[in-house]
Amino acid sequence: MFKVITTYITCVALLLFFFGYIATPILQYAEGWNTFYYDSDYLVIMLSSIGTAGCIKAFLLQFFAHPWNGTAVMTLLMIVFMSAINFILSRFKNNFATCVVSAVICLISAISLTSWMGNISPLSLLNIGNEKNQAKEYMILSNHARHKQWDDIIARCNENSPVTNLLHQNCLNMALAEKGILGDKLLDQPVRDITSIYVNQIQTAEIAGLLSDIYFSFGHIAQSQRYAFETNEKKNDLSPRMLQRLIETNLIFGQKEVADKYLYVLSKTLYYKDWKPSMKMIEEKRKCLFDDNRFSGIKGLDDDLLHIARNTRGLPQCNVTLQYLGSLYILAGYDSLFVKMADEFSGSKDLSKPMPKYFQKYYNHLINEK
């Protein structure tokens, strides 16, 4: 009996470690694209779009909106499964042997279940192999970006320097811009070109979701809303992460009725029913909107960002936008436009003097060339 209890305790400890440390970032990432909705109409939509298996997956994923809740639920589920296997096998073998076999089956099942729920291979899940698992690392960075944990992104990328993966660079540079230090750190990593700021090949819905985050950080609300809408549509309108962004962007545009529609959808979930966006943030982002009602990007992204910076002078958003704009000018080689921007904003509250390290170096180089 003592050996059986010890086996159970050991299995619980391993499951808590597995779900709490290894699986959580993957399942937390997956939950952002697909959670469970307690509404008959939505249940019909879910069953028709993702099927019964997809609904089961969504039901389990929802708990990872709060990682420790997810860890507890999954551990309890697997222990129940282990007990059922042990009960079946106990008819054929002695108690301790069946318990050990049940524990092994339980742990293997936990890995398989997580791989299925997170849509990632078992080897990638466990990070086995000579090369670092780029997909899993991106999921961790993306989770931090979703919750605006900029310091955590910077710290993690510093630990894994040099950062060569473009998606990782996108997350890192977004964090650096939000902290107001992108101009000081831009060339510390082996950046390629403007794709180190934002990728331009949208291969998956999740990449479109990343672009929604980046454009929101730019202050480019229309493009952020566009990518959020497209991503959510690809996710069968079931992504809580994109629903939150659509609520924010519609409130910024003054479309309260549309925002309320999305809030109603979130109210049918277990963990987002009381979620509300920051109205202080909404008011600041509202300053980013174009006065001339232009078509997004018609004059180029750089012109849009310059317009946003001018609209938000004196606000934190202005500095964030200028961090991006100056970096994009440098990476694209837009020398004359960079000098004009620097001359216009340097020395103000929005862009310090001396300017950020790499901005100042680039500016001095261009001026000395003349």
Protein backbone atom coordinates (compact mmCIF):
# COMPACT_ATOMS: atom_id res chain seq x y z
CA MET A 1 0.00 0.00 0.00
CA PHE A 2 2.86 2.37 0.87
CA LYS A 3 4.44 1.78 -2.56
CA VAL A 4 1.13 2.52 -4.27
CA ILE A 5 0.69 5.79 -2.38
CA THR A 6 4.29 6.74 -3.16
CA THR A 7 3.70 6.02 -6.86
CA TYR A 8 0.62 8.25 -6.87
CA ILE A 9 2.46 11.07 -5.10
CA THR A 10 5.37 10.80 -7.54
CA CYS A 11 3.00 10.83 -10.50
CA VAL A 12 1.17 13.91 -9.17
CA ALA A 13 4.49 15.70 -8.67
CA LEU A 14 5.59 14.88 -12.22
CA LEU A 15 2.25 15.98 -13.65
CA LEU A 16 2.34 19.27 -11.75
CA PHE A 17 5.86 19.88 -13.03
CA PHE A 18 4.92 18.93 -16.58
CA PHE A 19 1.73 20.98 -16.83
CA GLY A 20 3.00 23.85 -14.66
CA TYR A 21 6.39 24.30 -16.31
CA ILE A 22 6.59 22.56 -19.68
CA ALA A 23 3.03 22.57 -21.03
CA THR A 24 1.62 25.83 -19.65
CA PRO A 25 3.16 28.29 -22.17
CA ILE A 26 1.98 26.14 -25.07
CA LEU A 27 -1.55 25.65 -23.76
CA GLN A 28 -1.80 29.28 -22.64
CA TYR A 29 -0.86 30.33 -26.18
CA ALA A 30 -3.39 27.92 -27.70
CA GLU A 31 -6.13 29.21 -25.37
CA GLY A 32 -5.68 32.69 -26.82
CA TRP A 33 -6.96 31.45 -30.16
CA ASN A 34 -9.70 29.11 -28.99
CA THR A 35 -11.58 29.09 -25.69
CA PHE A 36 -14.95 27.71 -24.60
CA TYR A 37 -18.22 29.67 -24.78
CA TYR A 38 -21.14 28.81 -22.49
CA ASP A 39 -23.88 29.70 -24.93
CA SER A 40 -26.16 27.39 -26.91
CA ASP A 41 -25.83 29.39 -30.14
CA TYR A 42 -22.06 29.47 -29.86
CA LEU A 43 -21.96 25.78 -28.99
CA VAL A 44 -23.76 25.05 -32.26
CA ILE A 45 -21.21 27.21 -34.11
CA MET A 46 -18.34 25.46 -32.34
CA LEU A 47 -19.69 21.99 -33.09
CA SER A 48 -20.15 22.82 -36.76
CA SER A 49 -16.77 24.54 -37.17
CA ILE A 50 -14.37 22.60 -34.95
CA GLY A 51 -16.36 19.44 -34.18
CA THR A 52 -16.85 17.52 -30.94
CA ALA A 53 -13.12 16.94 -30.47
CA GLY A 54 -12.47 20.65 -30.98
CA CYS A 55 -15.10 21.52 -28.36
CA ILE A 56 -13.45 19.17 -25.88
CA LYS A 57 -10.11 20.77 -26.63
CA ALA A 58 -11.58 24.28 -26.17
CA PHE A 59 -13.19 23.24 -22.89
CA LEU A 60 -9.85 22.06 -21.49
CA LEU A 61 -7.90 24.99 -22.92
CA GLN A 62 -10.16 27.58 -21.28
CA PHE A 63 -8.64 26.89 -17.86
CA PHE A 64 -5.23 28.06 -19.10
CA ALA A 65 -6.52 31.62 -19.19
CA HIS A 66 -5.17 31.34 -15.63
CA PRO A 67 -2.24 28.91 -15.91
CA TRP A 68 -2.38 27.46 -12.40
CA ASN A 69 -6.06 26.68 -12.85
CA GLY A 70 -5.19 24.84 -16.04
CA THR A 71 -2.39 22.96 -14.32
CA ALA A 72 -4.69 21.88 -11.48
CA VAL A 73 -7.51 20.77 -13.79
CA MET A 74 -5.24 18.81 -16.12
CA THR A 75 -3.41 17.14 -13.24
CA LEU A 76 -6.68 16.10 -11.63
CA LEU A 77 -7.97 14.80 -14.97
CA MET A 78 -4.86 12.69 -15.53
CA ILE A 79 -4.93 11.27 -12.00
CA VAL A 80 -8.55 10.20 -12.54
CA PHE A 81 -7.43 8.61 -15.80
CA MET A 82 -4.55 6.85 -14.03
CA SER A 83 -6.92 5.50 -11.38
CA ALA A 84 -9.24 4.15 -14.08
CA ILE A 85 -6.37 2.41 -15.87
CA ASN A 86 -5.10 1.04 -12.57
CA PHE A 87 -8.56 -0.33 -11.74
CA ILE A 88 -8.76 -2.13 -15.09
CA LEU A 89 -5.24 -3.57 -14.92
CA SER A 90 -5.51 -4.62 -11.28
CA ARG A 91 -7.55 -7.63 -12.39
CA PHE A 92 -4.50 -9.07 -14.10
CA LYS A 93 -1.45 -8.02 -12.03
CA ASN A 94 -0.49 -7.20 -8.47
CA ASN A 95 -1.41 -3.83 -7.05
CA PHE A 96 2.00 -2.12 -7.13
CA ALA A 97 2.94 -3.30 -10.64
CA THR A 98 -0.37 -2.15 -12.10
CA CYS A 99 0.00 1.18 -10.35
CA VAL A 100 3.44 1.75 -11.91
CA VAL A 101 2.19 0.75 -15.35
CA SER A 102 -0.82 3.05 -14.93
CA ALA A 103 1.45 5.93 -13.91
CA VAL A 104 3.62 5.45 -17.01
CA ILE A 105 0.55 5.34 -19.27
CA CYS A 106 -0.79 8.44 -17.53
CA LEU A 107 2.42 10.43 -18.11
CA ILE A 108 2.63 9.36 -21.76
CA SER A 109 -1.03 10.30 -22.19
CA ALA A 110 -0.39 13.72 -20.62
CA ILE A 111 2.31 14.41 -23.20
CA SER A 112 0.12 13.19 -26.06
CA LEU A 113 -2.90 15.17 -24.85
CA THR A 114 -0.84 18.36 -24.54
CA SER A 115 0.65 17.84 -28.01
CA TRP A 116 -2.86 17.53 -29.43
CA MET A 117 -4.25 20.51 -27.53
CA GLY A 118 -1.27 22.73 -28.32
CA ASN A 119 -0.89 21.51 -31.91
CA ILE A 120 2.81 20.83 -31.38
CA SER A 121 4.86 17.65 -31.75
CA PRO A 122 5.88 15.70 -28.61
CA LEU A 123 9.59 16.29 -29.34
CA SER A 124 9.03 20.04 -29.72
CA LEU A 125 6.95 19.99 -26.56
CA LEU A 126 9.75 18.45 -24.54
CA ASN A 127 12.39 20.52 -26.35
CA ILE A 128 14.41 17.43 -27.26
CA GLY A 129 17.15 17.79 -29.87
CA ASN A 130 20.29 19.75 -30.64
CA GLU A 131 18.51 22.91 -31.80
CA LYS A 132 16.51 25.21 -29.57
CA ASN A 133 12.77 24.87 -30.09
CA GLN A 134 11.92 28.09 -31.93
CA ALA A 135 8.16 27.51 -31.99
CA LYS A 136 7.88 26.96 -28.25
CA GLU A 137 10.06 30.00 -27.55
CA TYR A 138 7.85 32.16 -29.76
CA MET A 139 4.76 30.99 -27.86
CA ILE A 140 6.34 32.13 -24.60
CA LEU A 141 7.24 35.54 -26.04
CA SER A 142 3.78 35.90 -27.57
CA ASN A 143 2.13 35.14 -24.23
CA HIS A 144 4.21 37.88 -22.61
CA ALA A 145 3.28 40.31 -25.40
CA ARG A 146 -0.42 39.55 -24.96
CA HIS A 147 -0.19 40.56 -21.30
CA LYS A 148 2.18 43.48 -21.98
CA GLN A 149 4.96 41.87 -19.95
CA TRP A 150 7.66 43.80 -21.78
CA ASP A 151 10.39 43.36 -19.18
CA ASP A 152 9.92 39.58 -19.32
CA ILE A 153 10.34 39.57 -23.10
CA ILE A 154 13.52 41.65 -22.89
CA ALA A 155 14.98 39.52 -20.10
CA ARG A 156 14.23 36.26 -21.91
CA CYS A 157 15.72 37.49 -25.19
CA ASN A 158 18.82 38.71 -23.35
CA GLU A 159 19.23 35.23 -21.89
CA ASN A 160 18.95 33.69 -25.37
CA SER A 161 21.04 36.27 -27.22
CA PRO A 162 21.76 36.51 -30.11
CA VAL A 163 18.14 36.61 -31.25
CA THR A 164 18.08 35.60 -34.92
CA ASN A 165 14.50 34.38 -35.42
CA LEU A 166 12.41 37.14 -37.06
CA LEU A 167 9.30 36.44 -34.99
CA HIS A 168 11.35 36.60 -31.81
CA GLN A 169 12.88 39.86 -33.03
CA ASN A 170 9.40 41.24 -33.70
CA CYS A 171 8.40 40.51 -30.10
CA LEU A 172 11.65 41.86 -28.68
CA ASN A 173 11.54 45.08 -30.69
CA MET A 174 7.92 45.62 -29.72
CA ALA A 175 8.91 45.30 -26.06
CA LEU A 176 11.87 47.66 -26.52
CA ALA A 177 9.68 50.24 -28.25
CA GLU A 178 7.04 50.05 -25.52
CA LYS A 179 9.78 50.64 -22.94
CA GLY A 180 11.11 53.58 -24.97
CA ILE A 181 14.54 52.05 -25.62
CA LEU A 182 14.33 50.56 -29.13
CA GLY A 183 16.59 53.31 -30.48
CA ASP A 184 19.20 52.37 -27.86
CA LYS A 185 19.04 48.62 -28.54
CA LEU A 186 18.04 48.27 -32.22
CA LEU A 187 21.37 46.97 -33.53
CA ASP A 188 22.34 44.94 -30.47
CA GLN A 189 20.80 41.91 -32.21
CA PRO A 190 21.52 40.79 -35.79
CA VAL A 191 18.54 42.59 -37.33
CA ARG A 192 17.90 41.97 -41.03
CA ASP A 193 15.73 44.81 -42.35
CA ILE A 194 12.26 46.19 -41.57
CA THR A 195 11.03 42.61 -41.17
CA SER A 196 12.88 42.60 -37.85
CA ILE A 197 10.26 45.15 -36.74
CA TYR A 198 7.27 43.56 -38.43
CA VAL A 199 7.10 40.51 -40.67
CA ASN A 200 5.56 41.01 -44.10
CA GLN A 201 4.77 37.40 -44.99
CA ILE A 202 1.58 36.31 -43.27
CA GLN A 203 1.80 32.52 -43.35
CA THR A 204 -0.69 31.75 -40.57
CA ALA A 205 -3.56 33.37 -38.70
CA GLU A 206 -1.33 33.56 -35.63
CA ILE A 207 1.19 35.71 -37.54
CA ALA A 208 -1.65 38.05 -38.49
CA GLY A 209 -2.44 38.19 -34.78
CA LEU A 210 1.16 39.20 -34.08
CA LEU A 211 0.85 41.99 -36.65
CA SER A 212 -2.30 43.18 -34.89
CA ASP A 213 -0.25 43.51 -31.70
CA ILE A 214 2.57 45.33 -33.47
CA TYR A 215 0.31 47.79 -35.28
CA PHE A 216 -1.53 48.47 -32.03
CA SER A 217 1.84 49.27 -30.48
CA PHE A 218 2.60 51.55 -33.48
CA GLY A 219 -0.61 53.41 -32.72
CA HIS A 220 -1.89 52.36 -36.16
CA ILE A 221 -5.37 51.38 -35.00
CA ALA A 222 -6.98 50.69 -38.39
CA GLN A 223 -4.36 48.12 -39.40
CA SER A 224 -4.43 46.56 -35.94
CA GLN A 225 -8.19 46.13 -36.21
CA ARG A 226 -7.91 44.73 -39.71
CA TYR A 227 -5.48 41.98 -38.70
CA ALA A 228 -7.44 41.21 -35.53
CA PHE A 229 -10.62 40.80 -37.55
CA GLU A 230 -8.97 38.60 -40.16
CA THR A 231 -7.32 36.44 -37.49
CA ASN A 232 -10.52 36.00 -35.52
CA GLU A 233 -12.38 35.10 -38.70
CA LYS A 234 -9.80 32.40 -39.47
CA LYS A 235 -10.27 31.14 -35.92
CA ASN A 236 -14.04 30.75 -36.46
CA ASP A 237 -14.70 33.92 -34.41
CA LEU A 238 -13.60 32.04 -31.29
CA SER A 239 -10.35 33.80 -30.34
CA PRO A 240 -10.62 35.62 -26.99
CA ARG A 241 -7.30 37.33 -27.66
CA MET A 242 -8.54 38.87 -30.89
CA LEU A 243 -11.98 39.62 -29.45
CA GLN A 244 -10.26 41.73 -26.79
CA ARG A 245 -8.34 43.60 -29.49
CA LEU A 246 -11.52 44.15 -31.52
CA ILE A 247 -13.24 45.57 -28.44
CA GLU A 248 -10.33 47.96 -27.88
CA THR A 249 -10.08 49.13 -31.48
CA ASN A 250 -13.83 49.61 -31.89
CA LEU A 251 -13.97 51.69 -28.71
CA ILE A 252 -11.08 53.78 -30.01
CA PHE A 253 -13.02 54.41 -33.22
CA GLY A 254 -16.13 55.25 -31.19
CA GLN A 255 -18.00 52.16 -32.36
CA LYS A 256 -19.43 51.30 -28.94
CA GLU A 257 -22.26 49.14 -30.30
CA VAL A 258 -19.80 46.88 -32.11
CA ALA A 259 -17.57 46.71 -29.04
CA ASP A 260 -20.57 45.76 -26.91
CA LYS A 261 -21.33 42.91 -29.31
CA TYR A 262 -17.85 41.47 -28.77
CA LEU A 263 -18.08 42.07 -25.03
CA TYR A 264 -21.31 40.07 -25.02
CA VAL A 265 -19.49 37.17 -26.66
CA LEU A 266 -16.73 37.29 -24.04
CA SER A 267 -19.37 37.42 -21.29
CA LYS A 268 -20.22 33.84 -22.28
CA THR A 269 -16.79 32.59 -21.21
CA LEU A 270 -15.63 31.50 -17.78
CA TYR A 271 -12.59 33.75 -17.45
CA TYR A 272 -13.36 36.83 -19.58
CA LYS A 273 -16.91 37.64 -18.56
CA ASP A 274 -15.79 40.53 -16.35
CA TRP A 275 -12.95 41.75 -18.59
CA LYS A 276 -12.96 45.44 -19.50
CA PRO A 277 -10.37 47.42 -21.48
CA SER A 278 -8.45 50.29 -19.92
CA MET A 279 -10.32 53.47 -20.73
CA LYS A 280 -7.16 55.51 -20.09
CA MET A 281 -5.44 53.53 -22.82
CA ILE A 282 -8.46 53.90 -25.11
CA GLU A 283 -8.37 57.69 -24.74
CA GLU A 284 -4.66 57.88 -25.48
CA LYS A 285 -4.90 55.59 -28.51
CA ARG A 286 -7.81 57.67 -29.79
CA LYS A 287 -5.32 60.51 -30.33
CA CYS A 288 -3.59 58.29 -32.89
CA LEU A 289 -6.48 58.44 -35.35
CA PHE A 290 -5.94 60.33 -38.60
CA ASP A 291 -7.69 63.68 -38.88
CA ASP A 292 -8.07 63.45 -42.66
CA ASN A 293 -9.82 60.05 -42.63
CA ARG A 294 -7.19 58.73 -45.05
CA PHE A 295 -7.07 55.17 -46.33
CA SER A 296 -4.52 53.32 -44.17
CA GLY A 297 -1.11 53.17 -45.79
CA ILE A 298 -2.07 55.19 -48.87
CA LYS A 299 0.89 57.52 -48.26
CA GLY A 300 3.14 54.79 -46.88
CA LEU A 301 3.46 53.34 -43.40
CA ASP A 302 6.22 55.80 -42.48
CA ASP A 303 3.96 58.76 -43.31
CA ASP A 304 1.19 57.20 -41.22
CA LEU A 305 3.54 56.80 -38.25
CA LEU A 306 4.80 60.36 -38.62
CA HIS A 307 1.18 61.54 -38.56
CA ILE A 308 0.51 59.47 -35.43
CA ALA A 309 3.59 60.89 -33.71
CA ARG A 310 2.46 64.44 -34.45
CA ASN A 311 -1.04 63.69 -33.16
CA THR A 312 0.25 62.27 -29.86
CA ARG A 313 2.91 64.84 -28.94
CA GLY A 314 3.44 64.94 -25.19
CA LEU A 315 1.91 61.48 -24.65
CA PRO A 316 3.81 58.21 -24.05
CA GLN A 317 2.48 56.90 -27.37
CA CYS A 318 4.45 59.53 -29.26
CA ASN A 319 7.76 58.23 -27.96
CA VAL A 320 6.78 54.63 -28.75
CA THR A 321 5.81 55.57 -32.31
CA LEU A 322 9.03 57.55 -32.82
CA GLN A 323 11.08 54.59 -31.58
CA TYR A 324 9.51 52.54 -34.36
CA LEU A 325 9.64 55.24 -37.01
CA GLY A 326 13.31 56.06 -36.47
CA SER A 327 14.21 52.37 -36.48
CA LEU A 328 12.28 51.72 -39.69
CA TYR A 329 13.99 54.70 -41.36
CA ILE A 330 17.40 53.29 -40.38
CA LEU A 331 16.63 49.73 -41.49
CA ALA A 332 15.08 50.89 -44.78
CA GLY A 333 17.84 53.43 -45.48
CA TYR A 334 15.50 56.43 -45.65
CA ASP A 335 18.26 58.87 -44.76
CA SER A 336 16.70 62.22 -45.58
CA LEU A 337 13.40 61.31 -43.90
CA PHE A 338 15.28 60.20 -40.78
CA VAL A 339 17.09 63.56 -40.56
CA LYS A 340 13.82 65.47 -40.98
CA MET A 341 12.16 63.42 -38.24
CA ALA A 342 15.12 63.89 -35.90
CA ASP A 343 15.23 67.64 -36.51
CA GLU A 344 11.50 67.93 -35.88
CA PHE A 345 11.29 65.92 -32.65
CA SER A 346 14.79 65.87 -31.07
CA GLY A 347 15.06 67.75 -27.83
CA SER A 348 11.37 67.56 -27.11
CA LYS A 349 9.65 65.53 -24.43
CA ASP A 350 8.98 62.93 -27.11
CA LEU A 351 12.54 62.32 -28.31
CA SER A 352 15.35 63.19 -25.93
CA LYS A 353 18.52 65.05 -26.80
CA PRO A 354 20.94 63.41 -27.23
CA MET A 355 18.72 60.99 -29.09
CA PRO A 356 18.69 57.24 -28.41
CA LYS A 357 22.13 55.72 -29.02
CA TYR A 358 21.69 54.31 -32.51
CA PHE A 359 19.55 57.23 -33.62
CA GLN A 360 22.29 59.65 -32.57
CA LYS A 361 25.02 57.60 -34.26
CA TYR A 362 23.06 57.41 -37.49
CA TYR A 363 22.20 61.10 -37.37
CA ASN A 364 25.83 62.11 -36.77
CA HIS A 365 26.96 59.86 -39.61
CA LEU A 366 24.49 61.42 -42.05
CA ILE A 367 25.31 64.99 -41.00
CA ASN A 368 29.07 64.38 -41.23
CA GLU A 369 28.66 62.89 -44.70
CA LYS A 370 27.28 66.21 -45.86
